[in-house]
C-alpha atoms as a PDB file:
ATOM      1  CA  MET A   1     234.934 107.703 138.027  1.00  0.00           C
ATOM      2  CA  LEU A   2     238.042 108.722 136.105  1.00  0.00           C
ATOM      3  CA  SER A   3     240.790 106.135 135.998  1.00  0.00           C
ATOM      4  CA  GLY A   4     244.389 106.820 136.914  1.00  0.00           C
ATOM      5  CA  ASP A   5     245.322 106.739 133.221  1.00  0.00           C
ATOM      6  CA  GLU A   6     242.631 109.307 132.410  1.00  0.00           C
ATOM      7  CA  LEU A   7     243.795 111.637 135.162  1.00  0.00           C
ATOM      8  CA  GLU A   8     247.403 111.232 134.043  1.00  0.00           C
ATOM      9  CA  GLY A   9     246.406 111.948 130.443  1.00  0.00           C
ATOM     10  CA  PHE A  10     244.532 115.088 131.459  1.00  0.00           C
ATOM     11  CA  ALA A  11     247.507 116.350 133.462  1.00  0.00           C
ATOM     12  CA  ARG A  12     249.824 115.652 130.499  1.00  0.00           C
ATOM     13  CA  ASP A  13     247.671 116.798 127.570  1.00  0.00           C
ATOM     14  CA  GLY A  14     245.209 119.201 129.187  1.00  0.00           C
ATOM     15  CA  ILE A  15     242.310 117.508 127.359  1.00  0.00           C
ATOM     16  CA  LEU A  16     239.927 114.800 128.567  1.00  0.00           C
ATOM     17  CA  ARG A  17     237.298 113.139 126.366  1.00  0.00           C
ATOM     18  CA  VAL A  18     234.099 112.103 128.171  1.00  0.00           C
ATOM     19  CA  ARG A  19     232.234 109.753 125.864  1.00  0.00           C
ATOM     20  CA  ARG A  20     228.413 109.755 125.942  1.00  0.00           C
ATOM     21  CA  ALA A  21     228.197 112.391 128.673  1.00  0.00           C
ATOM     22  CA  PHE A  22     224.575 112.834 127.596  1.00  0.00           C
ATOM     23  CA  GLY A  23     222.224 111.004 125.270  1.00  0.00           C
ATOM     24  CA  ALA A  24     221.693 111.273 121.506  1.00  0.00           C
ATOM     25  CA  ALA A  25     218.025 112.120 122.057  1.00  0.00           C
ATOM     26  CA  ASP A  26     219.010 115.000 124.363  1.00  0.00           C
ATOM     27  CA  ALA A  27     221.449 116.238 121.722  1.00  0.00           C
ATOM     28  CA  ALA A  28     218.720 116.086 119.058  1.00  0.00           C
ATOM     29  CA  ARG A  29     216.407 118.230 121.198  1.00  0.00           C
ATOM     30  CA  MET A  30     219.176 120.808 121.607  1.00  0.00           C
ATOM     31  CA  ARG A  31     219.799 120.870 117.839  1.00  0.00           C
ATOM     32  CA  ASP A  32     216.073 121.348 117.217  1.00  0.00           C
ATOM     33  CA  GLY A  33     216.103 124.386 119.498  1.00  0.00           C
ATOM     34  CA  ILE A  34     219.106 125.853 117.683  1.00  0.00           C
ATOM     35  CA  TRP A  35     217.532 125.303 114.249  1.00  0.00           C
ATOM     36  CA  ALA A  36     214.344 127.040 115.448  1.00  0.00           C
ATOM     37  CA  GLU A  37     216.349 130.101 116.455  1.00  0.00           C
ATOM     38  CA  LEU A  38     218.435 130.017 113.259  1.00  0.00           C
ATOM     39  CA  ALA A  39     215.193 130.039 111.288  1.00  0.00           C
ATOM     40  CA  GLU A  40     213.895 132.991 113.294  1.00  0.00           C
ATOM     41  CA  LEU A  41     217.090 135.053 113.044  1.00  0.00           C
ATOM     42  CA  TYR A  42     218.478 134.136 109.648  1.00  0.00           C
ATOM     43  CA  GLY A  43     215.837 132.145 107.770  1.00  0.00           C
ATOM     44  CA  MET A  44     218.008 129.010 107.893  1.00  0.00           C
ATOM     45  CA  ARG A  45     216.387 125.650 107.253  1.00  0.00           C
ATOM     46  CA  PRO A  46     218.070 122.303 107.942  1.00  0.00           C
ATOM     47  CA  ASP A  47     216.846 120.870 104.618  1.00  0.00           C
ATOM     48  CA  ASP A  48     218.040 123.767 102.412  1.00  0.00           C
ATOM     49  CA  ARG A  49     221.764 124.480 102.235  1.00  0.00           C
ATOM     50  CA  ARG A  50     221.090 127.631 100.240  1.00  0.00           C
ATOM     51  CA  THR A  51     219.860 129.223 103.476  1.00  0.00           C
ATOM     52  CA  TRP A  52     222.985 128.390 105.500  1.00  0.00           C
ATOM     53  CA  GLU A  53     224.393 131.892 105.802  1.00  0.00           C
ATOM     54  CA  PRO A  54     226.255 133.283 107.656  1.00  0.00           C
ATOM     55  CA  HIS A  55     228.775 130.490 108.169  1.00  0.00           C
ATOM     56  CA  ARG A  56     229.207 131.379 111.848  1.00  0.00           C
ATOM     57  CA  PRO A  57     225.837 132.685 113.075  1.00  0.00           C
ATOM     58  CA  THR A  58     225.812 134.683 116.296  1.00  0.00           C
ATOM     59  CA  ARG A  59     223.239 136.221 118.689  1.00  0.00           C
ATOM     60  CA  LEU A  60     221.849 132.797 119.626  1.00  0.00           C
ATOM     61  CA  LYS A  61     220.298 133.889 122.920  1.00  0.00           C
ATOM     62  CA  VAL A  62     217.114 131.798 123.012  1.00  0.00           C
ATOM     63  CA  SER A  63     218.883 128.476 122.469  1.00  0.00           C
ATOM     64  CA  LYS A  64     221.503 129.544 125.002  1.00  0.00           C
ATOM     65  CA  ARG A  65     218.778 129.424 127.675  1.00  0.00           C
ATOM     66  CA  ASP A  66     217.161 126.248 126.315  1.00  0.00           C
ATOM     67  CA  PRO A  67     216.377 123.983 129.320  1.00  0.00           C
ATOM     68  CA  ALA A  68     217.011 120.942 127.096  1.00  0.00           C
ATOM     69  CA  ALA A  69     220.712 121.797 127.378  1.00  0.00           C
ATOM     70  CA  ASP A  70     220.669 120.997 131.100  1.00  0.00           C
ATOM     71  CA  ALA A  71     221.179 117.374 130.038  1.00  0.00           C
ATOM     72  CA  ILE A  72     224.820 118.272 129.299  1.00  0.00           C
ATOM     73  CA  LEU A  73     225.475 118.717 133.001  1.00  0.00           C
ATOM     74  CA  GLY A  74     224.072 115.301 133.884  1.00  0.00           C
ATOM     75  CA  PRO A  75     225.444 112.638 136.249  1.00  0.00           C
ATOM     76  CA  VAL A  76     228.377 111.682 134.005  1.00  0.00           C
ATOM     77  CA  LEU A  77     229.844 115.171 133.621  1.00  0.00           C
ATOM     78  CA  ARG A  78     229.022 116.073 137.220  1.00  0.00           C
ATOM     79  CA  GLY A  79     231.080 113.126 138.388  1.00  0.00           C
ATOM     80  CA  VAL A  80     234.022 114.232 136.246  1.00  0.00           C
ATOM     81  CA  LEU A  81     233.835 117.802 137.576  1.00  0.00           C
ATOM     82  CA  ASP A  82     233.581 116.547 141.156  1.00  0.00           C
ATOM     83  CA  GLN A  83     236.767 114.573 140.660  1.00  0.00           C
ATOM     84  CA  LEU A  84     238.707 117.342 138.932  1.00  0.00           C
ATOM     85  CA  LEU A  85     237.506 120.425 140.826  1.00  0.00           C
ATOM     86  CA  GLY A  86     235.960 119.223 144.063  1.00  0.00           C
ATOM     87  CA  GLU A  87     233.200 121.715 144.863  1.00  0.00           C
ATOM     88  CA  TRP A  88     232.308 123.823 141.839  1.00  0.00           C
ATOM     89  CA  VAL A  89     229.947 126.667 140.997  1.00  0.00           C
ATOM     90  CA  GLU A  90     226.595 125.665 139.504  1.00  0.00           C
ATOM     91  CA  PRO A  91     226.268 127.569 136.201  1.00  0.00           C
ATOM     92  CA  PRO A  92     223.127 129.536 135.241  1.00  0.00           C
ATOM     93  CA  HIS A  93     223.115 127.889 131.791  1.00  0.00           C
ATOM     94  CA  GLN A  94     225.252 125.557 129.698  1.00  0.00           C
ATOM     95  CA  GLY A  95     227.319 128.206 127.972  1.00  0.00           C
ATOM     96  CA  GLN A  96     227.850 129.642 124.529  1.00  0.00           C
ATOM     97  CA  VAL A  97     226.126 128.080 121.517  1.00  0.00           C
ATOM     98  CA  LEU A  98     228.696 127.536 118.746  1.00  0.00           C
ATOM     99  CA  VAL A  99     227.555 126.845 115.189  1.00  0.00           C
ATOM    100  CA  THR A 100     229.809 126.528 112.134  1.00  0.00           C
ATOM    101  CA  MET A 101     228.139 125.928 108.786  1.00  0.00           C
ATOM    102  CA  PRO A 102     229.979 124.173 105.941  1.00  0.00           C
ATOM    103  CA  THR A 103     232.169 126.689 104.150  1.00  0.00           C
ATOM    104  CA  GLY A 104     233.155 124.775 101.018  1.00  0.00           C
ATOM    105  CA  GLU A 105     236.826 125.517 101.628  1.00  0.00           C
ATOM    106  CA  PRO A 106     239.612 122.976 102.233  1.00  0.00           C
ATOM    107  CA  TRP A 107     240.399 122.197 105.855  1.00  0.00           C
ATOM    108  CA  VAL A 108     243.750 123.319 107.229  1.00  0.00           C
ATOM    109  CA  VAL A 109     245.152 123.871 110.708  1.00  0.00           C
ATOM    110  CA  PRO A 110     244.464 127.581 111.349  1.00  0.00           C
ATOM    111  CA  HIS A 111     247.419 129.919 111.735  1.00  0.00           C
ATOM    112  CA  ARG A 112     245.572 132.755 113.482  1.00  0.00           C
ATOM    113  CA  LEU A 113     243.511 133.377 116.622  1.00  0.00           C
ATOM    114  CA  TRP A 114     245.352 130.933 118.913  1.00  0.00           C
ATOM    115  CA  HIS A 115     244.286 131.943 122.400  1.00  0.00           C
ATOM    116  CA  THR A 116     243.010 130.948 125.825  1.00  0.00           C
ATOM    117  CA  ASP A 117     239.675 132.070 127.258  1.00  0.00           C
ATOM    118  CA  VAL A 118     241.128 133.144 130.618  1.00  0.00           C
ATOM    119  CA  GLY A 119     244.104 135.194 131.711  1.00  0.00           C
ATOM    120  CA  PHE A 120     247.399 133.910 133.063  1.00  0.00           C
ATOM    121  CA  ASP A 121     246.937 135.046 136.656  1.00  0.00           C
ATOM    122  CA  LEU A 122     245.301 131.770 137.763  1.00  0.00           C
ATOM    123  CA  PRO A 123     247.067 129.702 140.437  1.00  0.00           C
ATOM    124  CA  ARG A 124     249.797 127.581 138.872  1.00  0.00           C
ATOM    125  CA  ASP A 125     249.811 124.829 141.485  1.00  0.00           C
ATOM    126  CA  ARG A 126     246.168 123.735 141.426  1.00  0.00           C
ATOM    127  CA  LEU A 127     243.276 123.393 139.006  1.00  0.00           C
ATOM    128  CA  VAL A 128     240.667 126.105 139.664  1.00  0.00           C
ATOM    129  CA  ALA A 129     238.683 125.882 136.420  1.00  0.00           C
ATOM    130  CA  VAL A 130     238.110 123.797 133.322  1.00  0.00           C
ATOM    131  CA  LYS A 131     236.433 124.473 129.994  1.00  0.00           C
ATOM    132  CA  VAL A 132     233.647 122.155 128.857  1.00  0.00           C
ATOM    133  CA  TRP A 133     232.961 121.526 125.155  1.00  0.00           C
ATOM    134  CA  ALA A 134     229.798 119.507 124.438  1.00  0.00           C
ATOM    135  CA  LEU A 135     229.147 118.073 120.959  1.00  0.00           C
ATOM    136  CA  LEU A 136     225.477 118.413 119.985  1.00  0.00           C
ATOM    137  CA  GLY A 137     225.951 116.479 116.752  1.00  0.00           C
ATOM    138  CA  ASP A 138     228.487 114.109 115.240  1.00  0.00           C
ATOM    139  CA  VAL A 139     231.693 115.963 114.300  1.00  0.00           C
ATOM    140  CA  GLU A 140     234.147 114.346 111.887  1.00  0.00           C
ATOM    141  CA  ALA A 141     237.704 115.417 111.149  1.00  0.00           C
ATOM    142  CA  GLY A 142     237.624 118.634 109.124  1.00  0.00           C
ATOM    143  CA  GLY A 143     234.068 119.320 110.278  1.00  0.00           C
ATOM    144  CA  GLY A 144     234.719 122.491 112.254  1.00  0.00           C
ATOM    145  CA  GLY A 145     235.733 120.834 115.530  1.00  0.00           C
ATOM    146  CA  THR A 146     237.688 123.298 117.661  1.00  0.00           C
ATOM    147  CA  PRO A 147     241.460 122.756 117.186  1.00  0.00           C
ATOM    148  CA  GLN A 148     243.425 122.561 120.438  1.00  0.00           C
ATOM    149  CA  VAL A 149     247.150 122.376 121.252  1.00  0.00           C
ATOM    150  CA  LEU A 150     247.750 119.369 123.483  1.00  0.00           C
ATOM    151  CA  GLY A 151     250.294 120.147 126.187  1.00  0.00           C
ATOM    152  CA  SER A 152     250.183 123.910 125.699  1.00  0.00           C
ATOM    153  CA  HIS A 153     248.960 124.435 129.286  1.00  0.00           C
ATOM    154  CA  ARG A 154     252.228 122.906 130.519  1.00  0.00           C
ATOM    155  CA  VAL A 155     254.299 125.108 128.217  1.00  0.00           C
ATOM    156  CA  ILE A 156     252.458 128.145 129.580  1.00  0.00           C
ATOM    157  CA  ARG A 157     252.953 127.063 133.195  1.00  0.00           C
ATOM    158  CA  GLN A 158     256.655 126.341 132.619  1.00  0.00           C
ATOM    159  CA  GLN A 159     257.248 129.731 131.012  1.00  0.00           C
ATOM    160  CA  LEU A 160     255.332 131.557 133.750  1.00  0.00           C
ATOM    161  CA  GLU A 161     257.466 129.847 136.385  1.00  0.00           C
ATOM    162  CA  SER A 162     260.659 130.852 134.570  1.00  0.00           C
ATOM    163  CA  LEU A 163     259.772 134.558 134.747  1.00  0.00           C
ATOM    164  CA  LYS A 164     259.915 136.615 137.932  1.00  0.00           C
ATOM    165  CA  GLU A 165     257.430 139.245 136.777  1.00  0.00           C
ATOM    166  CA  PRO A 166     255.754 138.219 133.517  1.00  0.00           C
ATOM    167  CA  ASP A 167     253.762 140.838 131.639  1.00  0.00           C
ATOM    168  CA  LEU A 168     250.401 139.080 131.639  1.00  0.00           C
ATOM    169  CA  LYS A 169     248.982 141.393 128.972  1.00  0.00           C
ATOM    170  CA  THR A 170     251.528 140.300 126.371  1.00  0.00           C
ATOM    171  CA  PHE A 171     252.299 136.832 127.708  1.00  0.00           C
ATOM    172  CA  ARG A 172     250.234 134.903 125.152  1.00  0.00           C
ATOM    173  CA  ASP A 173     252.134 136.545 122.291  1.00  0.00           C
ATOM    174  CA  GLU A 174     255.400 135.791 124.056  1.00  0.00           C
ATOM    175  CA  VAL A 175     254.454 132.111 124.272  1.00  0.00           C
ATOM    176  CA  LEU A 176     253.545 132.006 120.578  1.00  0.00           C
ATOM    177  CA  GLY A 177     256.907 133.529 119.718  1.00  0.00           C
ATOM    178  CA  SER A 178     258.982 131.573 122.229  1.00  0.00           C
ATOM    179  CA  HIS A 179     259.742 128.446 120.206  1.00  0.00           C
ATOM    180  CA  GLU A 180     260.078 127.583 116.523  1.00  0.00           C
ATOM    181  CA  TRP A 181     257.160 125.145 116.711  1.00  0.00           C
ATOM    182  CA  PHE A 182     254.781 127.875 117.921  1.00  0.00           C
ATOM    183  CA  ARG A 183     256.161 130.325 115.376  1.00  0.00           C
ATOM    184  CA  GLN A 184     255.462 127.757 112.650  1.00  0.00           C
ATOM    185  CA  LEU A 185     251.963 127.196 114.049  1.00  0.00           C
ATOM    186  CA  CYS A 186     251.230 130.889 113.451  1.00  0.00           C
ATOM    187  CA  LYS A 187     252.428 130.902 109.828  1.00  0.00           C
ATOM    188  CA  ALA A 188     250.145 130.424 106.831  1.00  0.00           C
ATOM    189  CA  ASP A 189     253.067 128.925 104.875  1.00  0.00           C
ATOM    190  CA  ARG A 190     254.366 126.763 107.716  1.00  0.00           C
ATOM    191  CA  GLU A 191     257.005 124.110 107.054  1.00  0.00           C
ATOM    192  CA  VAL A 192     255.896 121.661 109.761  1.00  0.00           C
ATOM    193  CA  ASP A 193     252.710 119.671 110.321  1.00  0.00           C
ATOM    194  CA  PRO A 194     251.297 120.881 113.658  1.00  0.00           C
ATOM    195  CA  MET A 195     249.286 117.665 114.004  1.00  0.00           C
ATOM    196  CA  VAL A 196     252.508 115.656 114.295  1.00  0.00           C
ATOM    197  CA  GLU A 197     253.832 115.530 117.851  1.00  0.00           C
ATOM    198  CA  ALA A 198     256.816 117.788 118.535  1.00  0.00           C
ATOM    199  CA  ASP A 199     258.942 118.615 121.557  1.00  0.00           C
ATOM    200  CA  VAL A 200     258.810 122.110 123.060  1.00  0.00           C
ATOM    201  CA  ASP A 201     261.341 122.408 125.876  1.00  0.00           C
ATOM    202  CA  GLY A 202     260.732 118.814 126.938  1.00  0.00           C
ATOM    203  CA  ILE A 203     256.925 118.969 126.601  1.00  0.00           C
ATOM    204  CA  PRO A 204     255.166 117.041 123.803  1.00  0.00           C
ATOM    205  CA  VAL A 205     252.724 119.216 121.839  1.00  0.00           C
ATOM    206  CA  ARG A 206     250.497 118.770 118.804  1.00  0.00           C
ATOM    207  CA  VAL A 207     247.210 120.062 117.392  1.00  0.00           C
ATOM    208  CA  VAL A 208     244.051 117.935 117.665  1.00  0.00           C
ATOM    209  CA  GLU A 209     240.436 118.558 116.614  1.00  0.00           C
ATOM    210  CA  LEU A 210     237.507 118.072 118.957  1.00  0.00           C
ATOM    211  CA  THR A 211     235.690 115.336 117.041  1.00  0.00           C
ATOM    212  CA  GLY A 212     233.271 112.668 118.178  1.00  0.00           C
ATOM    213  CA  LYS A 213     229.647 111.604 118.466  1.00  0.00           C
ATOM    214  CA  ALA A 214     226.678 113.630 119.637  1.00  0.00           C
ATOM    215  CA  GLY A 215     226.760 113.567 123.435  1.00  0.00           C
ATOM    216  CA  ASP A 216     230.548 113.352 123.672  1.00  0.00           C
ATOM    217  CA  THR A 217     232.033 116.107 125.812  1.00  0.00           C
ATOM    218  CA  PHE A 218     235.583 117.375 126.219  1.00  0.00           C
ATOM    219  CA  VAL A 219     237.025 118.926 129.362  1.00  0.00           C
ATOM    220  CA  THR A 220     240.135 121.056 128.894  1.00  0.00           C
ATOM    221  CA  HIS A 221     242.582 122.901 131.110  1.00  0.00           C
ATOM    222  CA  PRO A 222     241.849 126.659 130.891  1.00  0.00           C
ATOM    223  CA  TRP A 223     245.360 127.334 129.527  1.00  0.00           C
ATOM    224  CA  VAL A 224     245.091 124.993 126.542  1.00  0.00           C
ATOM    225  CA  LEU A 225     245.519 127.112 123.410  1.00  0.00           C
ATOM    226  CA  HIS A 226     242.764 126.764 120.820  1.00  0.00           C
ATOM    227  CA  SER A 227     241.546 128.461 117.650  1.00  0.00           C
ATOM    228  CA  ILE A 228     238.698 128.479 115.106  1.00  0.00           C
ATOM    229  CA  ALA A 229     238.615 126.105 112.138  1.00  0.00           C
ATOM    230  CA  PRO A 230     236.534 126.003 108.953  1.00  0.00           C
ATOM    231  CA  ASN A 231     233.905 123.328 108.417  1.00  0.00           C
ATOM    232  CA  ALA A 232     234.942 121.412 105.297  1.00  0.00           C
ATOM    233  CA  ARG A 233     232.238 118.743 105.721  1.00  0.00           C
ATOM    234  CA  ASP A 234     228.572 118.764 104.728  1.00  0.00           C
ATOM    235  CA  THR A 235     227.015 118.921 108.202  1.00  0.00           C
ATOM    236  CA  PRO A 236     226.759 121.993 110.460  1.00  0.00           C
ATOM    237  CA  ARG A 237     228.956 121.786 113.552  1.00  0.00           C
ATOM    238  CA  MET A 238     226.911 122.478 116.700  1.00  0.00           C
ATOM    239  CA  MET A 239     228.527 122.663 120.117  1.00  0.00           C
ATOM    240  CA  ARG A 240     228.177 124.349 123.488  1.00  0.00           C
ATOM    241  CA  SER A 241     231.074 125.541 125.605  1.00  0.00           C
ATOM    242  CA  ARG A 242     231.557 127.204 128.965  1.00  0.00           C
ATOM    243  CA  MET A 243     234.032 127.646 131.801  1.00  0.00           C
ATOM    244  CA  MET A 244     233.394 125.770 135.048  1.00  0.00           C
ATOM    245  CA  TRP A 245     234.971 127.170 138.227  1.00  0.00           C
ATOM    246  CA  ARG A 246     236.006 125.677 141.538  1.00  0.00           C
ATOM    247  CA  LYS A 247     233.875 127.114 144.329  1.00  0.00           C
ATOM    248  CA  ASP A 248     236.749 128.776 146.184  1.00  0.00           C
END
């Protein structure tokens, strides 16, 4: 059961951390399935870094259907979804398999590819969906954890409400150009640290990484802006993510 503080934090930040949503042993079984498919597709071996190419492997269809991943949607996460969404649609699988191999490059807050995974025509007055991000292994800072902009869902809602007829096709770009903080976020030579809290029209925003232990899961508002980061650590980042929708 989420506490009042947790619900308030989710409404404010758009991000909720669910610690130990599933067990470390379950996470290990999921990683084993991913490594088996990586070996089949790309010849990758967990004990040989020389085989870890490409850095962001795709086409992971077998591990996507791995029944071991059903542990993600166990009693803990189900309780959270019940509280946030009420009745929700049972998914056919646990979502996209995301793998980021170590790249050997320094970690920086990305300046490109800030986006949401849904459009801006969702209801503004109620929560109809969330995105779930499940860590299948420990993820440290700089280890490829998905960067997210806390509070960006509120900026988006506020700007939508200020426009009579927003152009939903270009709205994301309008948000990213609407305030100096967002313009700085999208610059390679930015003059501000996006991980330091700033004020955007009365809403606190900052960039955070999704880091934690295997089994930790994050639930985010569908309008939270996020991007792709390099993995500057020594361990592959393995995660699963999917949208979860209210039944109505």
